[in-house]
Amino acid sequence: PRAPYKSPNGQGNTWFTGNDSDGWKFQESFDLLNELLTQILSEGFPKEKIFILGFSQGACLAMDFMVRMSFPIGGIIPIAGFIKYSERFKQNATSQSKNTPVHLFHGENDHIVPFNESENSMELFSSLGYDVSLTPYKAKHKISTRIMQNIRFILEKE
C-alpha cells in the first residue's frame, strides 16, 4: 500500500506524520496494514506465510505494527529502521506477536539511520523474548543486491 500521509515537504508520502512536541500520527498506516492482512487472510494465505518488509520508515512501521498483533506471522524484515519509543514498544508487545521472527538488516555506513539503531532494536526484541537476527551489510541508506538475495532466502525457506 501507499503511505497515507503527505510528506511535510509536499513531495511523496510518509507512514508517520507529526513531530516530537505535538506527537506522531500513525493510525492510518496501521489501518492500512490491518486491511491488507484481513484481505490476504480472507484469500486463504496461511499466517505463517505472511511477511512484512519495510525500509527506513517502513521498517519502523513493520516493527511497531507487528508487536501489537494478536497472532504471529511468518516474520518481519525491517531494513534500516529504528524504534523511537522503546517504553511504549514494550508496553504494546503482545504475547502472541512474540512468535513472529524478526530479521533485521542495516547498512553499516548508513548516515541517515545509524547502524546502532538496529543494534538497539535487536537488544530490545531480544529482551522481550523475540527470535531476532541482525544482518549488517556494506552500504549506506539503501538496500543492496546482496541483501535482496538474503531476503529471498528467508522467504523461500519459510
Protein backbone atom coordinates (compact mmCIF):
# COMPACT_ATOMS: atom_id res chain seq x y z
CA PRO A 1 0.00 0.00 0.00
CA ARG A 2 0.93 3.65 -0.39
CA ALA A 3 1.79 5.54 2.79
CA PRO A 4 -1.31 7.53 3.80
CA TYR A 5 0.21 10.82 4.96
CA LYS A 6 1.54 13.58 2.72
CA SER A 7 5.21 14.37 3.25
CA PRO A 8 5.80 17.70 5.04
CA ASN A 9 7.80 18.95 2.05
CA GLY A 10 4.87 18.13 -0.23
CA GLN A 11 6.79 15.52 -2.21
CA GLY A 12 5.58 11.97 -1.78
CA ASN A 13 4.00 10.19 1.13
CA THR A 14 5.05 9.08 4.59
CA TRP A 15 3.97 6.39 7.07
CA PHE A 16 4.07 8.78 10.05
CA THR A 17 3.29 12.47 10.38
CA GLY A 18 3.83 14.92 13.18
CA ASN A 19 6.72 15.87 15.41
CA ASP A 20 8.10 15.16 18.87
CA SER A 21 6.43 18.14 20.55
CA ASP A 22 2.93 17.68 19.08
CA GLY A 23 3.03 13.91 18.79
CA TRP A 24 3.15 11.47 15.91
CA LYS A 25 0.20 10.14 13.92
CA PHE A 26 0.34 6.62 12.56
CA GLN A 27 -3.13 5.12 12.97
CA GLU A 28 -3.98 5.42 9.26
CA SER A 29 -0.86 3.40 8.46
CA PHE A 30 -1.87 0.73 10.99
CA ASP A 31 -5.37 0.71 9.50
CA LEU A 32 -3.94 0.13 6.00
CA LEU A 33 -1.86 -2.81 7.21
CA ASN A 34 -4.82 -4.28 9.10
CA GLU A 35 -6.98 -4.05 5.97
CA LEU A 36 -4.26 -5.67 3.87
CA LEU A 37 -3.78 -8.51 6.36
CA THR A 38 -7.53 -9.09 6.55
CA GLN A 39 -7.70 -9.30 2.75
CA ILE A 40 -4.72 -11.65 2.50
CA LEU A 41 -6.09 -13.95 5.19
CA SER A 42 -9.57 -13.97 3.61
CA GLU A 43 -7.98 -15.16 0.37
CA GLY A 44 -6.64 -18.21 2.20
CA PHE A 45 -3.00 -17.37 2.78
CA PRO A 46 -1.71 -19.07 5.92
CA LYS A 47 -0.45 -16.68 8.62
CA GLU A 48 2.96 -18.34 8.69
CA LYS A 49 3.50 -17.42 5.01
CA ILE A 50 2.89 -13.69 5.58
CA PHE A 51 5.87 -11.36 5.93
CA ILE A 52 6.01 -7.61 6.44
CA LEU A 53 9.04 -5.97 4.88
CA GLY A 54 9.82 -2.29 5.29
CA PHE A 55 12.67 0.10 4.56
CA SER A 56 13.50 3.12 6.74
CA GLN A 57 10.12 4.50 7.91
CA GLY A 58 8.53 1.32 6.59
CA ALA A 59 10.88 -0.68 8.83
CA CYS A 60 9.77 1.39 11.83
CA LEU A 61 6.15 0.74 10.88
CA ALA A 62 6.72 -3.01 10.42
CA MET A 63 8.24 -3.32 13.89
CA ASP A 64 5.71 -1.15 15.72
CA PHE A 65 2.76 -2.79 13.95
CA MET A 66 3.90 -6.38 14.42
CA VAL A 67 4.40 -6.19 18.19
CA ARG A 68 0.74 -5.19 18.58
CA MET A 69 -0.60 -8.11 16.53
CA SER A 70 -2.91 -10.67 18.16
CA PHE A 71 -1.37 -13.54 16.17
CA PRO A 72 2.07 -14.45 14.81
CA ILE A 73 3.01 -14.25 11.14
CA GLY A 74 5.91 -15.73 9.16
CA GLY A 75 8.18 -12.83 10.02
CA ILE A 76 9.08 -9.21 9.60
CA ILE A 77 12.05 -7.86 7.69
CA PRO A 78 12.84 -4.31 8.83
CA ILE A 79 15.67 -2.72 6.83
CA ALA A 80 17.44 0.39 8.20
CA GLY A 81 14.79 1.21 10.78
CA PHE A 82 14.61 2.16 14.43
CA ILE A 83 12.29 2.02 17.42
CA LYS A 84 11.53 5.56 18.56
CA TYR A 85 9.69 4.94 21.84
CA SER A 86 11.11 1.82 23.48
CA GLU A 87 8.93 2.02 26.63
CA ARG A 88 5.72 2.28 24.60
CA PHE A 89 7.04 -0.51 22.36
CA LYS A 90 7.50 -2.78 25.40
CA GLN A 91 4.01 -1.98 26.68
CA ASN A 92 2.39 -2.68 23.30
CA ALA A 93 4.11 -6.03 22.71
CA THR A 94 1.58 -8.87 22.81
CA SER A 95 2.48 -12.38 23.87
CA GLN A 96 1.12 -13.70 20.53
CA SER A 97 3.43 -11.47 18.48
CA LYS A 98 6.48 -12.95 20.18
CA ASN A 99 6.19 -15.99 17.91
CA THR A 100 6.92 -13.82 14.85
CA PRO A 101 10.60 -13.99 13.77
CA VAL A 102 12.37 -10.64 13.31
CA HIS A 103 15.05 -10.41 10.58
CA LEU A 104 16.78 -7.00 10.90
CA PHE A 105 19.05 -5.69 8.11
CA HIS A 106 21.07 -2.48 8.18
CA GLY A 107 23.84 -0.82 6.18
CA GLU A 108 26.94 -0.28 8.28
CA ASN A 109 27.65 3.08 6.61
CA ASP A 110 24.12 4.47 6.98
CA HIS A 111 24.29 8.17 7.91
CA ILE A 112 20.52 8.72 7.80
CA VAL A 113 19.55 5.99 10.28
CA PRO A 114 22.77 4.97 12.06
CA PHE A 115 23.57 1.26 12.23
CA ASN A 116 23.43 1.26 16.05
CA GLU A 117 19.66 1.83 15.79
CA SER A 118 19.26 -1.73 14.53
CA GLU A 119 21.60 -2.96 17.25
CA ASN A 120 19.34 -1.22 19.79
CA SER A 121 16.26 -2.77 18.14
CA MET A 122 17.84 -6.20 18.29
CA GLU A 123 18.57 -5.80 22.00
CA LEU A 124 15.01 -4.66 22.68
CA PHE A 125 13.41 -7.50 20.72
CA SER A 126 15.72 -10.00 22.39
CA SER A 127 14.93 -8.67 25.87
CA LEU A 128 11.22 -9.18 25.13
CA GLY A 129 11.71 -12.81 24.04
CA TYR A 130 11.52 -12.49 20.23
CA ASP A 131 13.55 -14.65 17.85
CA VAL A 132 15.66 -11.88 16.29
CA SER A 133 18.66 -11.64 13.99
CA LEU A 134 20.63 -8.68 12.62
CA THR A 135 22.43 -8.80 9.30
CA PRO A 136 24.81 -5.90 8.67
CA TYR A 137 25.87 -5.08 5.12
CA LYS A 138 28.33 -2.75 3.41
CA ALA A 139 26.15 0.13 2.25
CA LYS A 140 24.68 3.48 3.19
CA HIS A 141 20.92 4.06 3.49
CA LYS A 142 19.82 1.66 0.75
CA ILE A 143 19.02 -1.96 0.03
CA SER A 144 21.90 -3.74 -1.66
CA THR A 145 21.55 -6.55 -4.20
CA ARG A 146 23.21 -8.98 -1.77
CA ILE A 147 20.59 -8.20 0.86
CA MET A 148 17.81 -8.90 -1.63
CA GLN A 149 19.32 -12.38 -2.06
CA ASN A 150 19.33 -12.87 1.73
CA ILE A 151 15.70 -11.77 1.92
CA ARG A 152 14.71 -14.12 -0.89
CA PHE A 153 16.39 -16.97 1.03
CA ILE A 154 14.38 -16.14 4.19
CA LEU A 155 11.12 -16.03 2.24
CA GLU A 156 11.80 -19.24 0.33
CA LYS A 157 12.77 -21.30 3.36
CA GLU A 158 9.59 -20.40 5.24
